[in-house]
């Protein structure tokens, strides 16, 4: 049997430059933490685990994300199940959770709070909000039934199954009740303009979760048009968009939400990342 240090020594030769990913993958297979690898470099690895490890390293060298090998990804300090049917949670999206928390700190919704997450995917944003707040309930809207299966499992794992209603819905089409907070991380990669996407992401993550029409913002236009037809509006609306799309997003916000307070907020890297609209509605509180 091969030793841990010898096995990890093959990673670079195979063509994977991300040593950390390889260490996480091996620790996962051994059902240990990464510290174990450094504490016991001479630990002997079984042939079965060695084969699975090397196969995974080859797949990662070809662009497959680590999370699709391990089947889970951390988001906002919580562990989420993921697979090829959902977008892998990104740390940038944690800003949406932070903004919702910041908004709710100044408002006394308590148990009356209903949060809708449009295009919920794995459910990570909605579930992180509810888990962190400790109150309110959620509605996860998602066009992919397979993605909703993942979201349901994540809700169960986090003890939130009874706090969320999952709806297979084309954006807001299935939402029939008022909500106070609405978040969205819709696909925003453009087929023509704003086509900023890494090759491995395009190859390995679900297309339905990536592309949003010609300029990447078609689904937001559609969602905003649906929202305008509702007899109610959320008090707080926030959504994520992509690199270089600020100017176009602001045009869209002005078109649909003229007369309301809207703004664009940068992420920790200083890149404009999230829009926020506040309606100050009283009819759904």
C-alpha atoms as a PDB file:
ATOM      1  CA  UNK A   1       0.000   0.000   0.000  1.00  0.00           C
ATOM      2  CA  UNK A   2       1.167   3.516  -0.796  1.00  0.00           C
ATOM      3  CA  UNK A   3       1.837   6.176   1.844  1.00  0.00           C
ATOM      4  CA  UNK A   4      -0.090   9.480   2.076  1.00  0.00           C
ATOM      5  CA  UNK A   5       3.007  11.559   1.251  1.00  0.00           C
ATOM      6  CA  UNK A   6       3.792   9.410  -1.787  1.00  0.00           C
ATOM      7  CA  UNK A   7       0.233   9.628  -3.036  1.00  0.00           C
ATOM      8  CA  UNK A   8       0.115  13.404  -2.720  1.00  0.00           C
ATOM      9  CA  UNK A   9       3.475  13.559  -4.446  1.00  0.00           C
ATOM     10  CA  UNK A  10       1.827  12.269  -7.627  1.00  0.00           C
ATOM     11  CA  UNK A  11      -0.673  15.122  -7.835  1.00  0.00           C
ATOM     12  CA  UNK A  12       1.526  17.581  -9.707  1.00  0.00           C
ATOM     13  CA  UNK A  13       2.741  14.866 -12.091  1.00  0.00           C
ATOM     14  CA  UNK A  14      -0.862  14.127 -13.041  1.00  0.00           C
ATOM     15  CA  UNK A  15      -1.357  17.786 -13.918  1.00  0.00           C
ATOM     16  CA  UNK A  16      -3.357  19.168 -10.999  1.00  0.00           C
ATOM     17  CA  UNK A  17      -1.855  22.406  -9.693  1.00  0.00           C
ATOM     18  CA  UNK A  18      -4.373  22.795  -6.863  1.00  0.00           C
ATOM     19  CA  UNK A  19      -2.642  20.852  -4.106  1.00  0.00           C
ATOM     20  CA  UNK A  20      -5.205  21.994  -1.543  1.00  0.00           C
ATOM     21  CA  UNK A  21      -8.047  20.434  -3.532  1.00  0.00           C
ATOM     22  CA  UNK A  22      -6.131  17.168  -3.677  1.00  0.00           C
ATOM     23  CA  UNK A  23      -5.566  17.210   0.076  1.00  0.00           C
ATOM     24  CA  UNK A  24      -9.229  17.888   0.760  1.00  0.00           C
ATOM     25  CA  UNK A  25     -10.197  15.066  -1.604  1.00  0.00           C
ATOM     26  CA  UNK A  26      -7.855  12.567   0.040  1.00  0.00           C
ATOM     27  CA  UNK A  27      -8.964  13.561   3.537  1.00  0.00           C
ATOM     28  CA  UNK A  28     -12.566  13.099   2.423  1.00  0.00           C
ATOM     29  CA  UNK A  29     -11.862   9.604   1.161  1.00  0.00           C
ATOM     30  CA  UNK A  30     -10.017   8.697   4.351  1.00  0.00           C
ATOM     31  CA  UNK A  31     -12.841  10.219   6.442  1.00  0.00           C
ATOM     32  CA  UNK A  32     -10.277  12.401   8.216  1.00  0.00           C
ATOM     33  CA  UNK A  33      -9.493  16.111   8.308  1.00  0.00           C
ATOM     34  CA  UNK A  34      -6.549  17.647   6.424  1.00  0.00           C
ATOM     35  CA  UNK A  35      -4.511  17.862   9.634  1.00  0.00           C
ATOM     36  CA  UNK A  36      -4.363  14.062   9.625  1.00  0.00           C
ATOM     37  CA  UNK A  37      -2.443  14.105   6.341  1.00  0.00           C
ATOM     38  CA  UNK A  38       0.313  16.253   7.838  1.00  0.00           C
ATOM     39  CA  UNK A  39       0.373  14.444  11.159  1.00  0.00           C
ATOM     40  CA  UNK A  40       0.612  10.995   9.567  1.00  0.00           C
ATOM     41  CA  UNK A  41       2.371  11.309   6.182  1.00  0.00           C
ATOM     42  CA  UNK A  42       3.359   7.652   6.460  1.00  0.00           C
ATOM     43  CA  UNK A  43      -0.207   6.407   6.803  1.00  0.00           C
ATOM     44  CA  UNK A  44      -0.783   3.675   4.243  1.00  0.00           C
ATOM     45  CA  UNK A  45      -3.724   4.068   1.884  1.00  0.00           C
ATOM     46  CA  UNK A  46      -5.680   1.073   0.615  1.00  0.00           C
ATOM     47  CA  UNK A  47      -5.600   0.236  -3.108  1.00  0.00           C
ATOM     48  CA  UNK A  48      -9.330   0.995  -3.450  1.00  0.00           C
ATOM     49  CA  UNK A  49      -8.987   4.503  -1.989  1.00  0.00           C
ATOM     50  CA  UNK A  50      -5.780   5.072  -3.951  1.00  0.00           C
ATOM     51  CA  UNK A  51      -7.560   4.282  -7.210  1.00  0.00           C
ATOM     52  CA  UNK A  52     -10.516   6.520  -6.357  1.00  0.00           C
ATOM     53  CA  UNK A  53      -8.193   9.333  -5.280  1.00  0.00           C
ATOM     54  CA  UNK A  54      -6.115   9.243  -8.455  1.00  0.00           C
ATOM     55  CA  UNK A  55      -9.227   9.099 -10.641  1.00  0.00           C
ATOM     56  CA  UNK A  56     -10.586  12.173  -8.863  1.00  0.00           C
ATOM     57  CA  UNK A  57      -7.278  14.011  -9.260  1.00  0.00           C
ATOM     58  CA  UNK A  58      -7.342  13.302 -12.990  1.00  0.00           C
ATOM     59  CA  UNK A  59     -10.906  14.605 -13.198  1.00  0.00           C
ATOM     60  CA  UNK A  60      -9.991  17.785 -11.312  1.00  0.00           C
ATOM     61  CA  UNK A  61      -6.966  18.256 -13.574  1.00  0.00           C
ATOM     62  CA  UNK A  62      -9.467  18.155 -16.466  1.00  0.00           C
ATOM     63  CA  UNK A  63     -11.590  20.834 -14.790  1.00  0.00           C
ATOM     64  CA  UNK A  64     -14.115  18.992 -12.647  1.00  0.00           C
ATOM     65  CA  UNK A  65     -14.886  20.948  -9.445  1.00  0.00           C
ATOM     66  CA  UNK A  66     -13.853  19.417  -6.139  1.00  0.00           C
ATOM     67  CA  UNK A  67     -17.392  19.858  -4.783  1.00  0.00           C
ATOM     68  CA  UNK A  68     -18.764  17.532  -7.451  1.00  0.00           C
ATOM     69  CA  UNK A  69     -16.390  14.842  -6.217  1.00  0.00           C
ATOM     70  CA  UNK A  70     -17.073  15.295  -2.511  1.00  0.00           C
ATOM     71  CA  UNK A  71     -20.785  15.989  -3.008  1.00  0.00           C
ATOM     72  CA  UNK A  72     -20.855  18.951  -0.647  1.00  0.00           C
ATOM     73  CA  UNK A  73     -19.706  22.551  -0.318  1.00  0.00           C
ATOM     74  CA  UNK A  74     -19.470  25.005   2.565  1.00  0.00           C
ATOM     75  CA  UNK A  75     -21.500  28.210   2.296  1.00  0.00           C
ATOM     76  CA  UNK A  76     -21.887  30.761   5.077  1.00  0.00           C
ATOM     77  CA  UNK A  77     -20.345  28.311   7.527  1.00  0.00           C
ATOM     78  CA  UNK A  78     -22.885  25.608   6.681  1.00  0.00           C
ATOM     79  CA  UNK A  79     -22.417  22.370   4.785  1.00  0.00           C
ATOM     80  CA  UNK A  80     -24.555  21.938   1.656  1.00  0.00           C
ATOM     81  CA  UNK A  81     -25.113  18.909  -0.499  1.00  0.00           C
ATOM     82  CA  UNK A  82     -24.394  19.568  -4.199  1.00  0.00           C
ATOM     83  CA  UNK A  83     -24.311  17.566  -7.424  1.00  0.00           C
ATOM     84  CA  UNK A  84     -24.377  18.121 -11.157  1.00  0.00           C
ATOM     85  CA  UNK A  85     -27.958  19.420 -11.014  1.00  0.00           C
ATOM     86  CA  UNK A  86     -27.152  22.594  -9.064  1.00  0.00           C
ATOM     87  CA  UNK A  87     -24.726  25.472  -9.227  1.00  0.00           C
ATOM     88  CA  UNK A  88     -21.936  25.109  -6.693  1.00  0.00           C
ATOM     89  CA  UNK A  89     -22.338  27.825  -4.022  1.00  0.00           C
ATOM     90  CA  UNK A  90     -19.894  30.723  -4.388  1.00  0.00           C
ATOM     91  CA  UNK A  91     -18.532  32.788  -1.499  1.00  0.00           C
ATOM     92  CA  UNK A  92     -19.534  35.992  -3.331  1.00  0.00           C
ATOM     93  CA  UNK A  93     -23.180  35.044  -2.878  1.00  0.00           C
ATOM     94  CA  UNK A  94     -22.796  35.236   0.894  1.00  0.00           C
ATOM     95  CA  UNK A  95     -23.197  38.994   0.412  1.00  0.00           C
ATOM     96  CA  UNK A  96     -26.908  38.408  -0.231  1.00  0.00           C
ATOM     97  CA  UNK A  97     -27.244  36.724   3.149  1.00  0.00           C
ATOM     98  CA  UNK A  98     -25.401  39.579   4.838  1.00  0.00           C
ATOM     99  CA  UNK A  99     -27.582  42.239   3.211  1.00  0.00           C
ATOM    100  CA  UNK A 100     -30.796  40.504   4.247  1.00  0.00           C
ATOM    101  CA  UNK A 101     -29.546  40.214   7.827  1.00  0.00           C
ATOM    102  CA  UNK A 102     -28.513  43.867   7.826  1.00  0.00           C
ATOM    103  CA  UNK A 103     -31.936  44.924   6.572  1.00  0.00           C
ATOM    104  CA  UNK A 104     -33.832  42.777   9.067  1.00  0.00           C
ATOM    105  CA  UNK A 105     -31.797  44.088  12.001  1.00  0.00           C
ATOM    106  CA  UNK A 106     -33.801  47.294  11.759  1.00  0.00           C
ATOM    107  CA  UNK A 107     -37.242  45.748  11.216  1.00  0.00           C
ATOM    108  CA  UNK A 108     -39.399  43.791  13.627  1.00  0.00           C
ATOM    109  CA  UNK A 109     -40.829  41.025  11.474  1.00  0.00           C
ATOM    110  CA  UNK A 110     -40.178  38.130  13.827  1.00  0.00           C
ATOM    111  CA  UNK A 111     -42.215  35.044  13.044  1.00  0.00           C
ATOM    112  CA  UNK A 112     -44.222  36.930  10.428  1.00  0.00           C
ATOM    113  CA  UNK A 113     -41.254  37.046   8.057  1.00  0.00           C
ATOM    114  CA  UNK A 114     -41.517  35.220   4.739  1.00  0.00           C
ATOM    115  CA  UNK A 115     -38.436  35.087   2.511  1.00  0.00           C
ATOM    116  CA  UNK A 116     -38.664  34.031  -1.147  1.00  0.00           C
ATOM    117  CA  UNK A 117     -35.591  32.800  -2.996  1.00  0.00           C
ATOM    118  CA  UNK A 118     -36.017  32.893  -6.775  1.00  0.00           C
ATOM    119  CA  UNK A 119     -33.901  30.330  -8.618  1.00  0.00           C
ATOM    120  CA  UNK A 120     -33.004  28.677  -5.338  1.00  0.00           C
ATOM    121  CA  UNK A 121     -30.814  25.869  -6.753  1.00  0.00           C
ATOM    122  CA  UNK A 122     -29.259  24.032  -3.801  1.00  0.00           C
ATOM    123  CA  UNK A 123     -31.213  26.303  -1.452  1.00  0.00           C
ATOM    124  CA  UNK A 124     -27.993  27.625   0.076  1.00  0.00           C
ATOM    125  CA  UNK A 125     -28.943  31.319   0.171  1.00  0.00           C
ATOM    126  CA  UNK A 126     -32.443  30.826   1.542  1.00  0.00           C
ATOM    127  CA  UNK A 127     -31.399  28.183   4.066  1.00  0.00           C
ATOM    128  CA  UNK A 128     -28.405  30.211   5.262  1.00  0.00           C
ATOM    129  CA  UNK A 129     -30.727  33.176   5.867  1.00  0.00           C
ATOM    130  CA  UNK A 130     -33.275  31.143   7.830  1.00  0.00           C
ATOM    131  CA  UNK A 131     -30.668  29.200   9.791  1.00  0.00           C
ATOM    132  CA  UNK A 132     -28.827  32.368  10.776  1.00  0.00           C
ATOM    133  CA  UNK A 133     -31.955  34.333  11.675  1.00  0.00           C
ATOM    134  CA  UNK A 134     -33.609  31.556  13.640  1.00  0.00           C
ATOM    135  CA  UNK A 135     -37.081  32.816  12.736  1.00  0.00           C
ATOM    136  CA  UNK A 136     -39.404  33.236   9.748  1.00  0.00           C
ATOM    137  CA  UNK A 137     -40.150  30.829   6.939  1.00  0.00           C
ATOM    138  CA  UNK A 138     -39.072  30.530   3.341  1.00  0.00           C
ATOM    139  CA  UNK A 139     -40.306  29.800  -0.163  1.00  0.00           C
ATOM    140  CA  UNK A 140     -37.794  28.367  -2.617  1.00  0.00           C
ATOM    141  CA  UNK A 141     -38.714  28.818  -6.283  1.00  0.00           C
ATOM    142  CA  UNK A 142     -36.854  26.788  -8.904  1.00  0.00           C
ATOM    143  CA  UNK A 143     -37.606  25.676 -12.464  1.00  0.00           C
ATOM    144  CA  UNK A 144     -35.544  22.493 -12.105  1.00  0.00           C
ATOM    145  CA  UNK A 145     -37.235  19.669 -10.248  1.00  0.00           C
ATOM    146  CA  UNK A 146     -33.889  17.905  -9.826  1.00  0.00           C
ATOM    147  CA  UNK A 147     -32.409  20.992  -8.168  1.00  0.00           C
ATOM    148  CA  UNK A 148     -35.370  21.118  -5.789  1.00  0.00           C
ATOM    149  CA  UNK A 149     -34.603  17.560  -4.693  1.00  0.00           C
ATOM    150  CA  UNK A 150     -31.153  18.756  -3.622  1.00  0.00           C
ATOM    151  CA  UNK A 151     -32.613  21.796  -1.858  1.00  0.00           C
ATOM    152  CA  UNK A 152     -35.112  19.635   0.057  1.00  0.00           C
ATOM    153  CA  UNK A 153     -32.322  17.367   1.242  1.00  0.00           C
ATOM    154  CA  UNK A 154     -30.287  20.369   2.402  1.00  0.00           C
ATOM    155  CA  UNK A 155     -33.272  21.707   4.332  1.00  0.00           C
ATOM    156  CA  UNK A 156     -33.667  18.340   6.055  1.00  0.00           C
ATOM    157  CA  UNK A 157     -29.973  18.180   6.928  1.00  0.00           C
ATOM    158  CA  UNK A 158     -30.128  21.654   8.483  1.00  0.00           C
ATOM    159  CA  UNK A 159     -33.315  20.966  10.436  1.00  0.00           C
ATOM    160  CA  UNK A 160     -35.346  23.408   8.346  1.00  0.00           C
ATOM    161  CA  UNK A 161     -37.647  21.053   6.434  1.00  0.00           C
ATOM    162  CA  UNK A 162     -40.743  22.424   8.171  1.00  0.00           C
ATOM    163  CA  UNK A 163     -39.707  26.048   7.586  1.00  0.00           C
ATOM    164  CA  UNK A 164     -39.567  26.020   3.768  1.00  0.00           C
ATOM    165  CA  UNK A 165     -42.028  25.473   0.942  1.00  0.00           C
ATOM    166  CA  UNK A 166     -40.370  24.377  -2.311  1.00  0.00           C
ATOM    167  CA  UNK A 167     -42.122  25.260  -5.552  1.00  0.00           C
ATOM    168  CA  UNK A 168     -41.254  24.148  -9.073  1.00  0.00           C
ATOM    169  CA  UNK A 169     -41.813  27.484 -10.741  1.00  0.00           C
ATOM    170  CA  UNK A 170     -40.741  29.598 -13.713  1.00  0.00           C
ATOM    171  CA  UNK A 171     -39.363  32.494 -11.646  1.00  0.00           C
ATOM    172  CA  UNK A 172     -42.351  34.090  -9.854  1.00  0.00           C
ATOM    173  CA  UNK A 173     -45.109  32.294 -11.755  1.00  0.00           C
ATOM    174  CA  UNK A 174     -45.808  29.901  -8.889  1.00  0.00           C
ATOM    175  CA  UNK A 175     -45.637  32.481  -6.105  1.00  0.00           C
ATOM    176  CA  UNK A 176     -49.168  33.263  -4.964  1.00  0.00           C
ATOM    177  CA  UNK A 177     -48.629  34.803  -1.520  1.00  0.00           C
ATOM    178  CA  UNK A 178     -46.986  38.046  -0.408  1.00  0.00           C
ATOM    179  CA  UNK A 179     -43.449  37.939   0.962  1.00  0.00           C
ATOM    180  CA  UNK A 180     -41.499  40.562   2.862  1.00  0.00           C
ATOM    181  CA  UNK A 181     -38.033  39.714   1.540  1.00  0.00           C
ATOM    182  CA  UNK A 182     -37.077  38.418  -1.895  1.00  0.00           C
ATOM    183  CA  UNK A 183     -33.622  37.309  -3.010  1.00  0.00           C
ATOM    184  CA  UNK A 184     -32.446  36.027  -6.373  1.00  0.00           C
ATOM    185  CA  UNK A 185     -29.241  34.674  -7.807  1.00  0.00           C
ATOM    186  CA  UNK A 186     -30.439  34.002 -11.331  1.00  0.00           C
ATOM    187  CA  UNK A 187     -28.235  32.757 -14.174  1.00  0.00           C
ATOM    188  CA  UNK A 188     -26.429  35.858 -15.482  1.00  0.00           C
ATOM    189  CA  UNK A 189     -23.821  34.638 -17.963  1.00  0.00           C
ATOM    190  CA  UNK A 190     -24.546  36.085 -21.408  1.00  0.00           C
ATOM    191  CA  UNK A 191     -24.511  33.997 -24.567  1.00  0.00           C
ATOM    192  CA  UNK A 192     -23.245  36.994 -26.546  1.00  0.00           C
ATOM    193  CA  UNK A 193     -22.418  39.905 -24.226  1.00  0.00           C
ATOM    194  CA  UNK A 194     -20.903  39.446 -20.749  1.00  0.00           C
ATOM    195  CA  UNK A 195     -19.784  35.950 -21.608  1.00  0.00           C
ATOM    196  CA  UNK A 196     -17.361  35.757 -18.707  1.00  0.00           C
ATOM    197  CA  UNK A 197     -17.164  32.120 -17.717  1.00  0.00           C
ATOM    198  CA  UNK A 198     -14.335  29.711 -17.007  1.00  0.00           C
ATOM    199  CA  UNK A 199     -14.136  26.728 -19.328  1.00  0.00           C
ATOM    200  CA  UNK A 200     -14.366  24.214 -16.481  1.00  0.00           C
ATOM    201  CA  UNK A 201     -17.516  25.905 -15.128  1.00  0.00           C
ATOM    202  CA  UNK A 202     -19.203  25.846 -18.537  1.00  0.00           C
ATOM    203  CA  UNK A 203     -18.259  22.194 -18.951  1.00  0.00           C
ATOM    204  CA  UNK A 204     -19.185  20.830 -15.539  1.00  0.00           C
ATOM    205  CA  UNK A 205     -22.029  22.914 -14.091  1.00  0.00           C
ATOM    206  CA  UNK A 206     -25.674  22.854 -15.286  1.00  0.00           C
ATOM    207  CA  UNK A 207     -26.324  25.149 -18.236  1.00  0.00           C
ATOM    208  CA  UNK A 208     -29.759  26.110 -16.910  1.00  0.00           C
ATOM    209  CA  UNK A 209     -28.036  27.594 -13.837  1.00  0.00           C
ATOM    210  CA  UNK A 210     -25.489  29.605 -15.825  1.00  0.00           C
ATOM    211  CA  UNK A 211     -26.951  31.397 -18.837  1.00  0.00           C
ATOM    212  CA  UNK A 212     -29.425  34.261 -18.830  1.00  0.00           C
ATOM    213  CA  UNK A 213     -30.030  35.058 -22.482  1.00  0.00           C
ATOM    214  CA  UNK A 214     -28.005  37.191 -24.854  1.00  0.00           C
ATOM    215  CA  UNK A 215     -26.629  39.612 -22.247  1.00  0.00           C
ATOM    216  CA  UNK A 216     -27.178  37.437 -19.164  1.00  0.00           C
ATOM    217  CA  UNK A 217     -29.940  39.607 -17.717  1.00  0.00           C
ATOM    218  CA  UNK A 218     -33.017  38.333 -19.541  1.00  0.00           C
ATOM    219  CA  UNK A 219     -34.263  36.347 -16.550  1.00  0.00           C
ATOM    220  CA  UNK A 220     -34.078  39.428 -14.330  1.00  0.00           C
ATOM    221  CA  UNK A 221     -36.121  41.392 -16.878  1.00  0.00           C
ATOM    222  CA  UNK A 222     -38.684  38.599 -16.910  1.00  0.00           C
ATOM    223  CA  UNK A 223     -38.776  38.372 -13.115  1.00  0.00           C
ATOM    224  CA  UNK A 224     -39.170  42.134 -12.709  1.00  0.00           C
ATOM    225  CA  UNK A 225     -42.018  42.144 -15.249  1.00  0.00           C
ATOM    226  CA  UNK A 226     -43.723  39.368 -13.278  1.00  0.00           C
ATOM    227  CA  UNK A 227     -43.245  41.302 -10.042  1.00  0.00           C
ATOM    228  CA  UNK A 228     -44.804  44.446 -11.481  1.00  0.00           C
ATOM    229  CA  UNK A 229     -47.990  42.473 -12.130  1.00  0.00           C
ATOM    230  CA  UNK A 230     -48.286  41.333  -8.512  1.00  0.00           C
ATOM    231  CA  UNK A 231     -50.771  43.214  -6.343  1.00  0.00           C
ATOM    232  CA  UNK A 232     -48.077  43.380  -3.657  1.00  0.00           C
ATOM    233  CA  UNK A 233     -44.362  44.074  -3.555  1.00  0.00           C
ATOM    234  CA  UNK A 234     -41.707  42.775  -1.147  1.00  0.00           C
ATOM    235  CA  UNK A 235     -40.309  45.332   1.247  1.00  0.00           C
ATOM    236  CA  UNK A 236     -36.779  44.299   0.319  1.00  0.00           C
ATOM    237  CA  UNK A 237     -35.469  42.802  -2.919  1.00  0.00           C
ATOM    238  CA  UNK A 238     -31.845  41.824  -3.585  1.00  0.00           C
ATOM    239  CA  UNK A 239     -30.169  39.940  -6.397  1.00  0.00           C
ATOM    240  CA  UNK A 240     -26.734  39.035  -7.693  1.00  0.00           C
ATOM    241  CA  UNK A 241     -25.369  39.879 -11.148  1.00  0.00           C
ATOM    242  CA  UNK A 242     -22.059  39.492 -12.951  1.00  0.00           C
ATOM    243  CA  UNK A 243     -18.863  41.294 -13.809  1.00  0.00           C
ATOM    244  CA  UNK A 244     -19.324  44.309 -16.079  1.00  0.00           C
ATOM    245  CA  UNK A 245     -23.130  44.285 -15.896  1.00  0.00           C
ATOM    246  CA  UNK A 246     -23.647  47.204 -13.491  1.00  0.00           C
ATOM    247  CA  UNK A 247     -24.565  49.802 -16.112  1.00  0.00           C
ATOM    248  CA  UNK A 248     -27.049  47.528 -17.855  1.00  0.00           C
ATOM    249  CA  UNK A 249     -28.528  46.378 -14.545  1.00  0.00           C
ATOM    250  CA  UNK A 250     -29.040  49.960 -13.415  1.00  0.00           C
ATOM    251  CA  UNK A 251     -30.914  50.691 -16.647  1.00  0.00           C
ATOM    252  CA  UNK A 252     -33.191  47.740 -15.969  1.00  0.00           C
ATOM    253  CA  UNK A 253     -33.758  48.775 -12.349  1.00  0.00           C
ATOM    254  CA  UNK A 254     -34.638  52.297 -13.460  1.00  0.00           C
ATOM    255  CA  UNK A 255     -37.123  50.952 -16.003  1.00  0.00           C
ATOM    256  CA  UNK A 256     -38.969  48.659 -13.612  1.00  0.00           C
ATOM    257  CA  UNK A 257     -38.534  50.381 -10.253  1.00  0.00           C
ATOM    258  CA  UNK A 258     -38.606  54.085 -10.962  1.00  0.00           C
ATOM    259  CA  UNK A 259     -39.728  55.903  -7.826  1.00  0.00           C
ATOM    260  CA  UNK A 260     -38.294  53.297  -5.468  1.00  0.00           C
ATOM    261  CA  UNK A 261     -34.929  53.260  -3.752  1.00  0.00           C
ATOM    262  CA  UNK A 262     -32.459  51.031  -5.554  1.00  0.00           C
ATOM    263  CA  UNK A 263     -28.692  50.758  -5.381  1.00  0.00           C
ATOM    264  CA  UNK A 264     -25.775  48.567  -6.413  1.00  0.00           C
ATOM    265  CA  UNK A 265     -23.384  47.149  -3.820  1.00  0.00           C
ATOM    266  CA  UNK A 266     -19.842  45.814  -4.445  1.00  0.00           C
ATOM    267  CA  UNK A 267     -18.479  42.556  -3.090  1.00  0.00           C
ATOM    268  CA  UNK A 268     -15.354  42.275  -0.927  1.00  0.00           C
ATOM    269  CA  UNK A 269     -13.186  42.524  -4.051  1.00  0.00           C
ATOM    270  CA  UNK A 270     -14.794  45.854  -4.922  1.00  0.00           C
ATOM    271  CA  UNK A 271     -16.683  44.406  -7.906  1.00  0.00           C
ATOM    272  CA  UNK A 272     -20.319  45.569  -8.281  1.00  0.00           C
ATOM    273  CA  UNK A 273     -22.160  42.396  -7.379  1.00  0.00           C
ATOM    274  CA  UNK A 274     -25.635  42.907  -5.882  1.00  0.00           C
ATOM    275  CA  UNK A 275     -28.610  45.197  -6.491  1.00  0.00           C
ATOM    276  CA  UNK A 276     -30.998  46.151  -3.714  1.00  0.00           C
ATOM    277  CA  UNK A 277     -34.501  47.628  -4.043  1.00  0.00           C
ATOM    278  CA  UNK A 278     -36.518  48.821  -1.061  1.00  0.00           C
ATOM    279  CA  UNK A 279     -40.239  49.321  -1.551  1.00  0.00           C
ATOM    280  CA  UNK A 280     -41.331  50.283   1.976  1.00  0.00           C
ATOM    281  CA  UNK A 281     -44.619  48.509   1.374  1.00  0.00           C
ATOM    282  CA  UNK A 282     -46.979  48.054   4.286  1.00  0.00           C
ATOM    283  CA  UNK A 283     -49.543  45.777   2.705  1.00  0.00           C
ATOM    284  CA  UNK A 284     -47.690  42.547   3.391  1.00  0.00           C
ATOM    285  CA  UNK A 285     -46.117  43.050   6.821  1.00  0.00           C
END
